[in-house]
Amino acid sequence: MTSGLQQHESKEPVVPEPSWLEDMVFYQIFPERFFNGDPTNDPVPISAWGEKPELFNFFGGDLAGIIRKIPYLQDLGVNGLYLNPIFDAPSNHKYDTRDYLRISPEFGDLRTYHRLIEELHRAGIRLILDGVFNHTGDEFWAFRDLLARGKDSPYHKWYHCRQYPVRQEPAPNYECWWGIKTLPKLNYSSPDLVRYILQVVEYWTRTGIDGWRLDVPNEVTREFWPVFRRLVKSINPDAYIVGEIWEDASSWLKGDMFDAVMNYCLRDLIVSFFVTEEMDAAAFDRGLSHLQARHSEKVTRSMFNLLGSHDTPRFLTLCKGQKERVLLSLLFLLTYPGVPVIYYGDEIGMTGEKDPDCRKTMIWDDNLWDQEIFHATKTLIRLRKHKEALKKGEFRTAVAGNNGVYGYWRIHESNRLLVLLNRTNKLRHAHLPLSPEMRGKWRRIYPLAGQERSWDGFLDLHLPPWYGGIWEQLS
């Protein structure tokens, strides 16, 4: 075991891009399933709130519902929202765009959308939208014209048509996303298409959003994204651009395309260490080091770090209901460099297998919440936002032992924290040498406030099974 502190000197903190990310904890909302704030725009037919989600059913969640629940978001402590698509589309998930320049009617109208931005910003909550620019739905007006007029359509170069007339049955004769006939793929070799998409991006960016999350950007021509970035940043230099890249994203994060990606690579490490136990602490630490080495520190601090999303099973389900694994993973997520993201409902212990089961309606009866997970999430978010070491501090491995204990320091100037995690079902002993500046009085601040204690040459602690804690050096 090594504290890692004798070999390092304090250095100036690196600021993420944009710089406001330092203070952020994001919350992802699947709008159709969060809250029904306006029953007058409900789709027909509609399922009762709380019923089983299916591929094609609707429950009435909308933008007015998000506005109604801003006090909940404030109480939880999040200060950023990522919304799954809100533009007009026939599905519940809205990844099959029908009209890029219209809010989906079941979600509200443009007035409601502007009120949402205004109310969120008044509450100190930023907003990023989901941009689905690789494909449209088959009800998109340009594709309908293509079906009707074939090569005579002025939009025939907007798609990848193999022959004419264009048909969907018995099999599509045009390129689709994953071969799904209702999701025709856009052709970025068409200058007219590129101009149109950039007009869409400009329109919504000018409404005052704080950034974009981009759906399957690796399937769009790479040359488009530097143009996209220049446009967005020219309108809002502080906009946050996040790509959905599941694998190594190094080539996308050189400063000319995205600020960050959804950090599924970090999630894979978290799952391997805390959930499946395929990794020991040393392998987990090596994995983190390799991940950090792929990117600049600025990028590491800008990454969109998550445990779950609309595309994964619920994290508690992944943990087979063992919430001690959830609690340790949450502690890690909210004390690790980068931008933590909570998928709606994970903070109250919602369950669900992969899509569509992970897209259940939000539970609003707090008698049905897992209060331990909820209060842990709230407490960790509060600490994240109030401790400079968690927002800006260096990350240094403290211990990566073969006994299942993992620990790290977060240090920013005089604010010094130690996070220790015991990912085993046995009592473990942590015995760490301390450099002179780390000696002195310390106190546990999570999960419960502890008594002040002095550590001289060594830190000496016993960690209960499946226990995670944060200690702070007292000035």
Protein backbone atom coordinates (compact mmCIF):
# COMPACT_ATOMS: atom_id res chain seq x y z
CA MET A 1 0.00 0.00 0.00
CA THR A 2 1.24 3.46 -0.85
CA SER A 3 -0.19 6.88 -0.20
CA GLY A 4 1.29 8.22 -3.42
CA LEU A 5 1.87 11.56 -1.73
CA GLN A 6 5.62 11.63 -1.17
CA GLN A 7 6.27 11.53 -4.92
CA HIS A 8 4.09 14.49 -5.93
CA GLU A 9 4.07 18.20 -5.43
CA SER A 10 0.96 20.34 -5.50
CA LYS A 11 0.20 21.80 -8.92
CA GLU A 12 -2.17 24.31 -10.42
CA PRO A 13 -5.61 22.76 -11.09
CA VAL A 14 -6.67 22.28 -14.69
CA VAL A 15 -10.00 23.83 -15.62
CA PRO A 16 -12.50 21.81 -17.68
CA GLU A 17 -14.08 23.14 -20.86
CA PRO A 18 -16.39 24.91 -20.45
CA SER A 19 -15.20 26.09 -17.04
CA TRP A 20 -18.68 26.02 -15.47
CA LEU A 21 -18.53 22.22 -15.52
CA GLU A 22 -16.53 22.34 -12.27
CA ASP A 23 -19.71 23.02 -10.33
CA MET A 24 -22.03 20.64 -12.16
CA VAL A 25 -24.01 17.55 -11.30
CA PHE A 26 -26.23 16.57 -14.24
CA TYR A 27 -29.53 14.71 -14.22
CA GLN A 28 -30.79 12.84 -17.29
CA ILE A 29 -34.52 12.89 -17.99
CA PHE A 30 -36.42 10.72 -20.45
CA PRO A 31 -39.22 13.30 -20.88
CA GLU A 32 -42.08 10.92 -21.68
CA ARG A 33 -41.60 9.12 -18.36
CA PHE A 34 -40.77 11.87 -15.85
CA PHE A 35 -44.01 13.69 -14.97
CA ASN A 36 -47.28 14.55 -16.69
CA GLY A 37 -47.69 18.27 -16.09
CA ASP A 38 -50.32 18.96 -18.76
CA PRO A 39 -52.94 16.25 -19.42
CA THR A 40 -54.42 18.32 -22.28
CA ASN A 41 -51.57 17.28 -24.59
CA ASP A 42 -51.67 13.58 -23.71
CA PRO A 43 -51.29 11.19 -26.66
CA VAL A 44 -54.05 8.70 -27.42
CA PRO A 45 -54.12 5.99 -26.26
CA ILE A 46 -52.31 6.58 -22.98
CA SER A 47 -51.23 4.03 -20.39
CA ALA A 48 -51.74 4.54 -16.67
CA TRP A 49 -48.70 5.97 -14.88
CA GLY A 50 -46.73 3.13 -13.37
CA GLU A 51 -47.76 0.44 -15.84
CA LYS A 52 -45.12 -1.64 -17.59
CA PRO A 53 -43.22 0.28 -20.28
CA GLU A 54 -43.34 -1.23 -23.73
CA LEU A 55 -41.68 -0.28 -26.99
CA PHE A 56 -44.63 1.74 -28.24
CA ASN A 57 -46.75 2.86 -25.29
CA PHE A 58 -47.13 6.38 -23.89
CA PHE A 59 -47.61 7.74 -20.36
CA GLY A 60 -47.93 11.51 -20.86
CA GLY A 61 -44.68 12.90 -19.49
CA ASP A 62 -44.00 16.36 -20.90
CA LEU A 63 -42.08 19.63 -20.57
CA ALA A 64 -44.70 21.10 -18.25
CA GLY A 65 -44.04 18.14 -15.98
CA ILE A 66 -40.33 18.96 -15.83
CA ILE A 67 -41.20 22.57 -14.96
CA ARG A 68 -43.50 21.34 -12.17
CA LYS A 69 -40.68 19.23 -10.73
CA ILE A 70 -37.96 21.89 -10.68
CA PRO A 71 -38.33 22.14 -6.86
CA TYR A 72 -37.56 18.40 -6.67
CA LEU A 73 -34.44 18.87 -8.80
CA GLN A 74 -33.32 21.76 -6.58
CA ASP A 75 -33.87 19.69 -3.45
CA LEU A 76 -31.88 16.81 -4.92
CA GLY A 77 -29.11 19.28 -5.67
CA VAL A 78 -28.58 18.75 -9.40
CA ASN A 79 -27.86 21.85 -11.46
CA GLY A 80 -27.82 20.51 -15.02
CA LEU A 81 -30.36 18.63 -17.14
CA TYR A 82 -29.78 16.42 -20.15
CA LEU A 83 -33.07 15.72 -21.92
CA ASN A 84 -33.58 12.87 -24.35
CA PRO A 85 -34.98 14.21 -27.66
CA ILE A 86 -37.88 16.65 -27.48
CA PHE A 87 -38.38 17.41 -31.20
CA ASP A 88 -41.49 16.21 -33.00
CA ALA A 89 -41.44 12.45 -33.57
CA PRO A 90 -44.05 9.67 -33.49
CA SER A 91 -42.32 7.42 -30.92
CA ASN A 92 -42.07 7.73 -27.14
CA HIS A 93 -38.27 8.03 -27.33
CA LYS A 94 -38.21 10.66 -30.14
CA TYR A 95 -35.11 9.34 -31.91
CA ASP A 96 -37.19 9.14 -35.13
CA THR A 97 -37.49 12.85 -35.90
CA ARG A 98 -40.52 14.01 -37.87
CA ASP A 99 -39.81 17.75 -37.63
CA TYR A 100 -36.56 19.19 -36.25
CA LEU A 101 -38.04 22.68 -35.86
CA ARG A 102 -41.06 21.76 -33.76
CA ILE A 103 -41.45 20.58 -30.17
CA SER A 104 -43.23 17.21 -30.08
CA PRO A 105 -46.89 18.12 -29.42
CA GLU A 106 -47.23 15.53 -26.63
CA PHE A 107 -44.43 17.40 -24.82
CA GLY A 108 -45.90 20.88 -25.26
CA ASP A 109 -45.30 23.78 -27.60
CA LEU A 110 -42.61 26.37 -28.23
CA ARG A 111 -44.01 28.64 -25.52
CA THR A 112 -43.72 25.82 -22.96
CA TYR A 113 -40.18 25.11 -24.13
CA HIS A 114 -39.12 28.73 -23.68
CA ARG A 115 -40.75 28.75 -20.24
CA LEU A 116 -38.80 25.60 -19.36
CA ILE A 117 -35.47 27.25 -20.22
CA GLU A 118 -36.44 30.41 -18.35
CA GLU A 119 -37.56 28.53 -15.22
CA LEU A 120 -34.53 26.22 -15.24
CA HIS A 121 -32.09 29.10 -15.59
CA ARG A 122 -33.91 31.05 -12.88
CA ALA A 123 -33.40 28.01 -10.63
CA GLY A 124 -29.70 27.84 -11.52
CA ILE A 125 -30.11 24.71 -13.67
CA ARG A 126 -28.46 24.42 -17.10
CA LEU A 127 -29.96 22.51 -20.03
CA ILE A 128 -28.45 20.41 -22.82
CA LEU A 129 -30.54 18.90 -25.61
CA ASP A 130 -30.21 15.62 -27.49
CA GLY A 131 -29.28 16.10 -31.16
CA VAL A 132 -30.22 13.21 -33.44
CA PHE A 133 -28.51 14.08 -36.71
CA ASN A 134 -27.43 10.70 -38.09
CA HIS A 135 -30.92 9.71 -39.24
CA THR A 136 -34.51 10.92 -39.33
CA GLY A 137 -37.76 9.10 -38.90
CA ASP A 138 -39.61 7.91 -41.99
CA GLU A 139 -42.32 10.52 -41.29
CA PHE A 140 -39.81 13.35 -41.75
CA TRP A 141 -41.13 15.66 -44.48
CA ALA A 142 -38.09 15.31 -46.77
CA PHE A 143 -38.23 11.51 -46.64
CA ARG A 144 -41.99 11.53 -47.32
CA ASP A 145 -41.32 13.60 -50.41
CA LEU A 146 -38.62 11.13 -51.45
CA LEU A 147 -41.03 8.21 -51.10
CA ALA A 148 -43.60 10.05 -53.19
CA ARG A 149 -41.39 11.41 -55.98
CA GLY A 150 -38.27 9.26 -55.99
CA LYS A 151 -35.39 10.72 -57.98
CA ASP A 152 -37.54 13.74 -58.87
CA SER A 153 -37.56 14.77 -55.22
CA PRO A 154 -35.21 17.67 -54.43
CA TYR A 155 -34.24 15.70 -51.32
CA HIS A 156 -33.14 12.50 -52.98
CA LYS A 157 -29.50 13.30 -52.21
CA TRP A 158 -30.31 13.81 -48.50
CA TYR A 159 -30.44 10.02 -48.09
CA HIS A 160 -28.49 6.99 -49.31
CA CYS A 161 -30.79 5.49 -51.93
CA ARG A 162 -29.61 2.35 -53.68
CA GLN A 163 -32.32 2.38 -56.38
CA TYR A 164 -35.57 4.01 -57.39
CA PRO A 165 -38.42 4.08 -56.72
CA VAL A 166 -37.65 4.17 -53.00
CA ARG A 167 -39.49 1.42 -51.14
CA GLN A 168 -39.76 0.19 -47.57
CA GLU A 169 -41.27 -3.23 -48.26
CA PRO A 170 -40.42 -6.05 -48.34
CA ALA A 171 -37.04 -4.57 -47.34
CA PRO A 172 -35.80 -0.97 -47.53
CA ASN A 173 -33.64 -0.10 -50.55
CA TYR A 174 -31.96 2.79 -48.73
CA GLU A 175 -29.50 2.91 -45.84
CA CYS A 176 -31.04 2.84 -42.37
CA TRP A 177 -29.73 3.04 -38.82
CA TRP A 178 -29.15 -0.58 -37.78
CA GLY A 179 -31.29 -1.66 -40.77
CA ILE A 180 -34.49 -0.26 -39.19
CA LYS A 181 -36.68 0.91 -42.08
CA THR A 182 -38.28 3.73 -40.06
CA LEU A 183 -34.85 5.33 -39.43
CA PRO A 184 -33.39 6.34 -42.82
CA LYS A 185 -29.78 7.49 -42.60
CA LEU A 186 -28.88 11.02 -43.69
CA ASN A 187 -26.27 11.65 -46.40
CA TYR A 188 -23.75 14.29 -45.34
CA SER A 189 -22.17 14.43 -48.78
CA SER A 190 -25.17 16.59 -49.71
CA PRO A 191 -24.32 20.29 -49.13
CA ASP A 192 -28.05 21.10 -48.96
CA LEU A 193 -28.53 18.58 -46.14
CA VAL A 194 -25.54 19.95 -44.22
CA ARG A 195 -26.88 23.49 -44.56
CA TYR A 196 -30.29 22.39 -43.31
CA ILE A 197 -28.91 20.57 -40.25
CA LEU A 198 -26.73 23.57 -39.38
CA GLN A 199 -29.81 25.81 -39.59
CA VAL A 200 -31.54 23.49 -37.13
CA VAL A 201 -28.54 23.56 -34.79
CA GLU A 202 -28.33 27.34 -34.97
CA TYR A 203 -32.04 27.77 -34.29
CA TRP A 204 -32.08 25.73 -31.07
CA THR A 205 -28.68 26.92 -29.85
CA ARG A 206 -29.95 30.50 -30.06
CA THR A 207 -32.89 29.65 -27.78
CA GLY A 208 -30.46 29.74 -24.86
CA ILE A 209 -29.56 26.11 -24.27
CA ASP A 210 -26.25 25.30 -22.59
CA GLY A 211 -25.10 22.60 -24.96
CA TRP A 212 -25.77 19.43 -26.93
CA ARG A 213 -25.57 15.70 -26.40
CA LEU A 214 -25.08 14.11 -29.81
CA ASP A 215 -26.62 10.76 -30.72
CA VAL A 216 -24.38 8.19 -32.46
CA PRO A 217 -21.99 10.87 -33.81
CA ASN A 218 -19.48 8.21 -34.86
CA GLU A 219 -21.95 7.19 -37.58
CA VAL A 220 -22.02 10.71 -39.05
CA THR A 221 -19.26 11.90 -41.41
CA ARG A 222 -16.44 13.05 -39.11
CA GLU A 223 -15.83 16.16 -41.18
CA PHE A 224 -19.21 17.52 -40.07
CA TRP A 225 -18.39 17.82 -36.37
CA PRO A 226 -15.68 20.53 -36.53
CA VAL A 227 -18.17 22.63 -38.52
CA PHE A 228 -20.87 21.88 -35.94
CA ARG A 229 -18.52 22.88 -33.13
CA ARG A 230 -17.50 26.17 -34.73
CA LEU A 231 -21.14 27.11 -35.25
CA VAL A 232 -22.27 26.23 -31.73
CA LYS A 233 -19.28 27.91 -30.05
CA SER A 234 -19.72 31.05 -32.21
CA ILE A 235 -23.24 31.41 -30.78
CA ASN A 236 -22.42 30.31 -27.24
CA PRO A 237 -18.69 30.01 -26.45
CA ASP A 238 -19.61 28.33 -23.16
CA ALA A 239 -21.74 25.60 -24.74
CA TYR A 240 -20.98 22.02 -23.66
CA ILE A 241 -20.74 19.45 -26.48
CA VAL A 242 -21.01 15.77 -25.49
CA GLY A 243 -20.79 12.89 -27.96
CA GLU A 244 -22.28 9.44 -27.49
CA ILE A 245 -19.15 7.34 -28.01
CA TRP A 246 -19.09 4.00 -26.17
CA GLU A 247 -15.49 3.02 -26.91
CA ASP A 248 -12.13 4.81 -26.83
CA ALA A 249 -12.98 8.40 -27.76
CA SER A 250 -9.45 9.82 -27.94
CA SER A 251 -9.70 10.91 -31.56
CA TRP A 252 -12.94 12.79 -30.88
CA LEU A 253 -11.54 14.79 -27.99
CA LYS A 254 -8.65 16.73 -29.53
CA GLY A 255 -10.41 20.08 -29.20
CA ASP A 256 -11.91 20.27 -32.68
CA MET A 257 -15.10 18.24 -32.16
CA PHE A 258 -16.43 17.41 -28.69
CA ASP A 259 -15.69 18.67 -25.18
CA ALA A 260 -16.54 15.26 -23.73
CA VAL A 261 -18.26 11.96 -24.37
CA MET A 262 -20.66 9.89 -22.33
CA ASN A 263 -18.03 8.05 -20.31
CA TYR A 264 -19.12 4.45 -20.84
CA CYS A 265 -15.47 3.38 -20.59
CA LEU A 266 -15.38 4.62 -17.01
CA ARG A 267 -18.72 2.93 -16.38
CA ASP A 268 -17.26 -0.36 -17.64
CA LEU A 269 -14.48 -0.09 -15.05
CA ILE A 270 -16.97 0.73 -12.28
CA VAL A 271 -19.08 -2.30 -13.20
CA SER A 272 -16.05 -4.58 -13.36
CA PHE A 273 -14.81 -3.51 -9.93
CA PHE A 274 -17.91 -2.80 -7.85
CA VAL A 275 -20.55 -5.02 -9.48
CA THR A 276 -19.12 -8.13 -11.13
CA GLU A 277 -15.81 -8.09 -9.19
CA GLU A 278 -13.93 -9.13 -12.33
CA MET A 279 -11.25 -6.60 -11.32
CA ASP A 280 -9.34 -6.27 -8.08
CA ALA A 281 -8.37 -2.87 -6.70
CA ALA A 282 -4.98 -2.85 -8.44
CA ALA A 283 -6.52 -3.64 -11.85
CA PHE A 284 -9.21 -1.00 -11.26
CA ASP A 285 -6.54 1.59 -10.50
CA ARG A 286 -4.57 0.62 -13.60
CA GLY A 287 -7.73 0.92 -15.66
CA LEU A 288 -8.37 4.41 -14.31
CA SER A 289 -4.76 5.38 -15.03
CA HIS A 290 -5.00 4.10 -18.60
CA LEU A 291 -8.27 5.98 -19.10
CA GLN A 292 -6.75 9.20 -17.77
CA ALA A 293 -3.69 8.74 -19.97
CA ARG A 294 -5.83 8.67 -23.12
CA HIS A 295 -6.90 12.27 -22.65
CA SER A 296 -5.65 15.62 -21.46
CA GLU A 297 -6.51 16.45 -17.87
CA LYS A 298 -8.89 19.10 -19.20
CA VAL A 299 -10.83 16.41 -21.05
CA THR A 300 -10.83 14.07 -18.04
CA ARG A 301 -12.38 16.86 -15.98
CA SER A 302 -14.97 17.55 -18.69
CA MET A 303 -16.15 13.95 -19.19
CA PHE A 304 -19.84 13.06 -18.78
CA ASN A 305 -19.55 10.34 -16.10
CA LEU A 306 -22.49 8.01 -15.61
CA LEU A 307 -23.61 4.77 -13.99
CA GLY A 308 -26.65 4.27 -16.21
CA SER A 309 -28.72 5.77 -19.01
CA HIS A 310 -31.76 5.09 -21.17
CA ASP A 311 -29.60 2.57 -23.07
CA THR A 312 -28.51 0.41 -20.12
CA PRO A 313 -30.22 -1.67 -17.44
CA ARG A 314 -30.89 0.25 -14.23
CA PHE A 315 -27.82 0.21 -12.03
CA LEU A 316 -29.60 -1.37 -9.04
CA THR A 317 -30.83 -4.12 -11.37
CA LEU A 318 -27.30 -4.60 -12.68
CA CYS A 319 -26.24 -5.01 -9.04
CA LYS A 320 -28.94 -7.69 -8.59
CA GLY A 321 -30.60 -5.56 -5.93
CA GLN A 322 -27.46 -5.41 -3.77
CA LYS A 323 -27.62 -1.74 -2.90
CA GLU A 324 -24.30 -1.77 -1.05
CA ARG A 325 -22.72 -2.03 -4.52
CA VAL A 326 -24.83 0.90 -5.71
CA LEU A 327 -23.79 3.00 -2.71
CA LEU A 328 -20.08 2.40 -3.26
CA SER A 329 -20.41 3.12 -6.98
CA LEU A 330 -22.30 6.35 -6.25
CA LEU A 331 -19.61 7.39 -3.79
CA PHE A 332 -16.95 6.82 -6.43
CA LEU A 333 -18.91 8.57 -9.21
CA LEU A 334 -19.51 11.70 -7.14
CA THR A 335 -15.94 11.99 -5.86
CA TYR A 336 -14.11 11.24 -9.14
CA PRO A 337 -12.90 13.98 -11.55
CA GLY A 338 -15.34 14.82 -14.31
CA VAL A 339 -19.02 15.68 -14.53
CA PRO A 340 -21.28 13.23 -12.65
CA VAL A 341 -24.65 12.37 -14.21
CA ILE A 342 -27.63 10.75 -12.46
CA TYR A 343 -30.20 8.93 -14.61
CA TYR A 344 -33.69 9.88 -13.43
CA GLY A 345 -34.98 7.49 -10.79
CA ASP A 346 -31.63 5.92 -9.98
CA GLU A 347 -31.49 8.22 -6.97
CA ILE A 348 -34.57 6.53 -5.50
CA GLY A 349 -33.59 2.96 -6.34
CA MET A 350 -35.71 2.36 -9.44
CA THR A 351 -35.14 -0.96 -11.19
CA GLY A 352 -35.40 -2.17 -14.77
CA GLU A 353 -33.75 -4.38 -17.33
CA LYS A 354 -32.55 -2.99 -20.68
CA ASP A 355 -34.76 -0.85 -22.94
CA PRO A 356 -37.72 -0.51 -22.65
CA ASP A 357 -37.75 -1.66 -19.01
CA CYS A 358 -35.13 0.91 -17.96
CA ARG A 359 -37.54 3.64 -19.11
CA LYS A 360 -40.25 3.20 -16.48
CA THR A 361 -42.30 6.12 -15.25
CA MET A 362 -40.72 8.05 -12.40
CA ILE A 363 -42.03 7.04 -8.97
CA TRP A 364 -43.38 10.07 -7.10
CA ASP A 365 -44.68 8.30 -4.00
CA ASP A 366 -41.73 8.69 -1.63
CA ASN A 367 -43.02 5.77 0.44
CA LEU A 368 -41.83 3.59 -2.44
CA TRP A 369 -38.36 5.11 -2.62
CA ASP A 370 -35.20 3.48 -1.34
CA GLN A 371 -34.51 6.17 1.25
CA GLU A 372 -30.93 5.03 1.87
CA ILE A 373 -29.96 5.47 -1.78
CA PHE A 374 -31.88 8.74 -2.01
CA HIS A 375 -30.26 10.32 1.03
CA ALA A 376 -26.81 9.06 0.03
CA THR A 377 -27.25 10.63 -3.42
CA LYS A 378 -28.39 13.96 -1.95
CA THR A 379 -25.57 14.02 0.59
CA LEU A 380 -22.90 13.20 -2.00
CA ILE A 381 -24.24 15.82 -4.42
CA ARG A 382 -24.10 18.42 -1.64
CA LEU A 383 -20.52 17.47 -0.78
CA ARG A 384 -19.56 17.51 -4.46
CA LYS A 385 -20.84 21.05 -4.82
CA HIS A 386 -19.36 22.41 -1.59
CA LYS A 387 -15.94 20.80 -1.33
CA GLU A 388 -13.35 22.49 -3.55
CA ALA A 389 -11.23 19.34 -3.55
CA LEU A 390 -14.05 17.40 -5.22
CA LYS A 391 -14.69 20.12 -7.79
CA LYS A 392 -11.13 21.12 -8.60
CA GLY A 393 -8.74 18.88 -6.73
CA GLU A 394 -6.03 16.55 -7.89
CA PHE A 395 -6.80 12.84 -7.93
CA ARG A 396 -4.06 10.67 -6.38
CA THR A 397 -4.26 6.99 -5.60
CA ALA A 398 -3.87 6.34 -1.89
CA VAL A 399 -4.27 2.57 -1.79
CA ALA A 400 -5.02 -0.16 -4.32
CA GLY A 401 -4.43 -3.24 -2.25
CA ASN A 402 -5.00 -6.89 -2.98
CA ASN A 403 -7.46 -7.02 -0.06
CA GLY A 404 -10.28 -5.25 -1.93
CA VAL A 405 -9.62 -1.79 -0.48
CA TYR A 406 -9.35 1.14 -2.88
CA GLY A 407 -8.68 4.71 -1.85
CA TYR A 408 -7.65 8.07 -3.26
CA TRP A 409 -6.88 11.61 -2.24
CA ARG A 410 -8.64 14.66 -3.64
CA ILE A 411 -6.57 17.76 -2.91
CA HIS A 412 -7.13 21.42 -3.72
CA GLU A 413 -4.89 23.83 -1.82
CA SER A 414 -5.82 23.48 1.88
CA ASN A 415 -8.90 21.33 1.23
CA ARG A 416 -7.73 17.73 1.47
CA LEU A 417 -9.99 14.70 1.33
CA LEU A 418 -9.45 10.97 1.49
CA VAL A 419 -11.95 8.50 0.01
CA LEU A 420 -11.69 4.85 1.10
CA LEU A 421 -13.78 1.98 -0.28
CA ASN A 422 -13.94 -1.58 1.02
CA ARG A 423 -15.43 -3.67 -1.78
CA THR A 424 -15.50 -6.92 0.18
CA ASN A 425 -17.77 -8.63 2.69
CA LYS A 426 -14.99 -8.68 5.30
CA LEU A 427 -13.60 -6.18 7.78
CA ARG A 428 -10.46 -4.64 6.25
CA HIS A 429 -7.53 -2.73 7.71
CA ALA A 430 -6.14 0.37 5.99
CA HIS A 431 -2.65 1.40 7.12
CA LEU A 432 -1.20 4.24 5.04
CA PRO A 433 2.02 6.24 5.45
CA LEU A 434 1.42 9.99 5.52
CA SER A 435 3.66 12.73 4.18
CA PRO A 436 4.25 15.65 6.61
CA GLU A 437 1.59 17.91 5.07
CA MET A 438 -1.06 15.19 5.43
CA ARG A 439 -0.44 14.62 9.12
CA GLY A 440 -2.62 16.20 11.74
CA LYS A 441 -6.31 16.28 12.57
CA TRP A 442 -8.88 14.61 10.36
CA ARG A 443 -12.60 13.94 10.60
CA ARG A 444 -14.95 11.67 8.68
CA ILE A 445 -17.60 13.67 6.78
CA TYR A 446 -19.39 10.83 4.98
CA PRO A 447 -21.52 8.76 5.40
CA LEU A 448 -21.88 10.24 8.89
CA ALA A 449 -19.88 12.96 10.60
CA GLY A 450 -17.24 11.41 12.83
CA GLN A 451 -15.14 12.56 15.73
CA GLU A 452 -11.91 14.45 15.21
CA ARG A 453 -8.82 12.27 15.30
CA SER A 454 -5.09 12.80 14.86
CA TRP A 455 -2.93 10.91 12.39
CA ASP A 456 0.83 11.30 12.66
CA GLY A 457 3.10 9.09 10.58
CA PHE A 458 0.38 6.69 9.52
CA LEU A 459 -3.33 6.57 8.88
CA ASP A 460 -4.80 3.58 10.64
CA LEU A 461 -8.43 2.58 10.05
CA HIS A 462 -10.65 -0.46 10.08
CA LEU A 463 -13.25 -0.49 7.31
CA PRO A 464 -16.47 -2.50 7.74
CA PRO A 465 -17.63 -4.76 4.89
CA TRP A 466 -18.93 -2.89 1.82
CA TYR A 467 -18.10 0.41 3.39
CA GLY A 468 -17.16 3.69 1.79
CA GLY A 469 -16.20 6.88 3.57
CA ILE A 470 -14.77 10.36 3.08
CA TRP A 471 -12.35 11.97 5.54
CA GLU A 472 -11.39 15.65 5.56
CA GLN A 473 -8.25 17.22 6.99
CA LEU A 474 -9.06 19.95 9.47
CA SER A 475 -7.28 23.27 9.07
